[in-house]
Amino acid sequence: LPHATYTWGDEPEKPGQRLANYWHGEFPYLPDTGYGQTAAVGSFPPNGYGLFDMAGNVWEWTTDWYGPARDEQPCCAEDTYDPDQPVQVARRVIKGGSFLCADSYCMRYRPAARRPQQVDTGMSHLGFRCVKRGTTS
């Protein structure tokens, strides 16, 4: 949604309302029942465009290489290296947050959030989005 803070609008969830699969409960030890792990697609209501799970569940790989600023997309993998790391590995942008993002910790399930992920590192809460195209009439 244009300029919205969250994928469902500008207001945070109300008590008892669940709009995305991010950490609900005391982070990082006590998840509310049903949280702290992945959830089936469509477990939460769609956003205003009818898209499900645009935040939370798992981080999503993007095709963008990670640059130091949002408007600075490097052309090549070697331009994404982190000079503070002992081993230089290319980094891609991941978005959407995961079931391990918590309001008290990072809030990276917001649409504006993005972070780097080294391309040689896997995580249990990292995935990619599949799209099912509808039939055309």
Protein backbone atom coordinates (compact mmCIF):
# COMPACT_ATOMS: atom_id res chain seq x y z
CA LEU A 1 0.00 0.00 0.00
CA PRO A 2 1.55 3.36 -0.97
CA HIS A 3 3.60 4.89 1.87
CA ALA A 4 2.00 2.62 4.49
CA THR A 5 3.99 1.66 7.58
CA TYR A 6 2.83 -1.98 7.45
CA THR A 7 1.65 -4.19 4.60
CA TRP A 8 -1.93 -3.89 5.94
CA GLY A 9 -1.90 -0.08 6.54
CA ASP A 10 -0.52 2.48 8.99
CA GLU A 11 -1.82 1.20 12.31
CA PRO A 12 -0.08 -1.57 14.26
CA GLU A 13 -2.06 -4.66 15.15
CA LYS A 14 -4.64 -4.20 17.89
CA PRO A 15 -4.58 -6.55 20.91
CA GLY A 16 -5.69 -10.00 19.77
CA GLN A 17 -5.56 -9.03 16.09
CA ARG A 18 -3.06 -11.05 14.00
CA LEU A 19 -2.22 -9.70 10.54
CA ALA A 20 1.18 -11.29 9.77
CA ASN A 21 3.44 -14.09 10.96
CA TYR A 22 6.07 -12.24 12.93
CA TRP A 23 7.02 -12.85 16.54
CA HIS A 24 4.09 -12.54 18.93
CA GLY A 25 5.03 -13.08 22.56
CA GLU A 26 8.07 -12.42 24.73
CA PHE A 27 11.10 -12.29 22.45
CA PRO A 28 13.18 -14.44 22.05
CA TYR A 29 11.99 -17.11 24.48
CA LEU A 30 8.21 -17.33 24.73
CA PRO A 31 6.24 -17.20 21.48
CA ASP A 32 2.46 -17.01 21.67
CA THR A 33 0.79 -20.26 20.60
CA GLY A 34 1.07 -20.65 16.84
CA TYR A 35 4.06 -18.32 16.45
CA GLY A 36 7.82 -18.80 16.43
CA GLN A 37 7.73 -20.91 13.26
CA THR A 38 6.53 -20.70 9.67
CA ALA A 39 2.81 -20.68 8.86
CA ALA A 40 0.90 -21.91 5.83
CA VAL A 41 0.40 -19.37 3.04
CA GLY A 42 -2.96 -17.64 3.46
CA SER A 43 -3.03 -17.99 7.26
CA PHE A 44 -3.49 -14.21 7.51
CA PRO A 45 -5.80 -11.87 5.59
CA PRO A 46 -4.66 -10.44 2.23
CA ASN A 47 -3.61 -6.81 1.90
CA GLY A 48 -5.52 -4.21 -0.15
CA TYR A 49 -4.18 -5.71 -3.40
CA GLY A 50 -5.33 -9.22 -2.48
CA LEU A 51 -1.75 -10.39 -1.84
CA PHE A 52 -1.10 -12.77 1.04
CA ASP A 53 1.84 -12.82 3.44
CA MET A 54 3.70 -9.80 2.12
CA ALA A 55 5.43 -9.53 5.49
CA GLY A 56 6.53 -12.04 8.07
CA ASN A 57 6.87 -15.82 7.77
CA VAL A 58 10.28 -15.95 6.04
CA TRP A 59 12.75 -13.41 4.71
CA GLU A 60 12.50 -13.29 0.93
CA TRP A 61 15.50 -13.23 -1.38
CA THR A 62 15.29 -10.45 -3.97
CA THR A 63 17.20 -10.03 -7.21
CA ASP A 64 18.79 -6.79 -5.91
CA TRP A 65 22.41 -6.69 -4.83
CA TYR A 66 22.81 -4.96 -1.46
CA GLY A 67 24.22 -1.42 -1.51
CA PRO A 68 24.90 0.89 1.44
CA ALA A 69 21.91 3.11 0.55
CA ARG A 70 18.43 2.12 -0.63
CA ASP A 71 18.77 4.08 -3.89
CA GLU A 72 22.23 2.67 -4.59
CA GLN A 73 21.94 -0.71 -6.30
CA PRO A 74 25.36 -2.09 -7.22
CA CYS A 75 25.79 -3.54 -10.68
CA CYS A 76 28.03 -6.38 -9.62
CA ALA A 77 28.32 -8.89 -6.78
CA GLU A 78 31.78 -7.71 -5.74
CA ASP A 79 30.38 -4.23 -5.03
CA THR A 80 28.26 -5.68 -2.20
CA TYR A 81 31.08 -6.95 0.01
CA ASP A 82 31.16 -5.84 3.65
CA PRO A 83 34.68 -4.53 4.41
CA ASP A 84 34.17 -5.27 8.11
CA GLN A 85 33.80 -9.01 7.47
CA PRO A 86 36.88 -11.28 7.40
CA VAL A 87 35.61 -13.23 4.36
CA GLN A 88 34.26 -11.26 1.43
CA VAL A 89 30.99 -12.74 0.14
CA ALA A 90 28.44 -11.06 -2.12
CA ARG A 91 25.21 -9.92 -0.46
CA ARG A 92 21.66 -9.71 -1.78
CA VAL A 93 18.76 -7.71 -0.38
CA ILE A 94 16.24 -9.69 1.66
CA LYS A 95 12.86 -8.22 2.58
CA GLY A 96 9.67 -8.99 4.42
CA GLY A 97 11.02 -10.01 7.79
CA SER A 98 10.39 -13.41 9.25
CA PHE A 99 8.64 -15.20 12.06
CA LEU A 100 11.66 -14.21 14.18
CA CYS A 101 11.16 -10.43 13.76
CA ALA A 102 9.71 -8.82 16.86
CA ASP A 103 8.47 -5.31 17.65
CA SER A 104 10.81 -5.24 20.65
CA TYR A 105 13.78 -6.31 18.54
CA CYS A 106 13.81 -5.18 14.91
CA MET A 107 10.39 -4.55 13.24
CA ARG A 108 11.92 -5.59 9.90
CA TYR A 109 8.62 -7.02 8.68
CA ARG A 110 7.66 -3.48 7.59
CA PRO A 111 7.71 -2.79 3.81
CA ALA A 112 10.45 -0.16 4.18
CA ALA A 113 12.82 -2.59 5.89
CA ARG A 114 15.59 -4.32 3.99
CA ARG A 115 18.78 -6.02 5.03
CA PRO A 116 21.77 -7.73 3.46
CA GLN A 117 22.26 -11.48 3.41
CA GLN A 118 25.40 -13.19 2.25
CA VAL A 119 24.61 -15.44 -0.71
CA ASP A 120 26.45 -18.42 0.79
CA THR A 121 24.43 -18.48 4.01
CA GLY A 122 21.16 -20.33 4.52
CA MET A 123 18.70 -19.82 7.37
CA SER A 124 15.57 -21.66 8.48
CA HIS A 125 13.59 -18.46 8.03
CA LEU A 126 14.80 -17.47 4.54
CA GLY A 127 12.90 -18.34 1.37
CA PHE A 128 11.54 -16.95 -1.86
CA ARG A 129 8.13 -16.01 -3.19
CA CYS A 130 6.29 -18.12 -5.72
CA VAL A 131 3.64 -16.56 -7.92
CA LYS A 132 0.68 -18.40 -9.40
CA ARG A 133 -0.65 -16.57 -12.39
CA GLY A 134 -4.38 -16.56 -12.99
CA THR A 135 -5.95 -17.50 -16.26
CA THR A 136 -6.55 -14.75 -18.76
CA SER A 137 -9.89 -14.41 -20.50
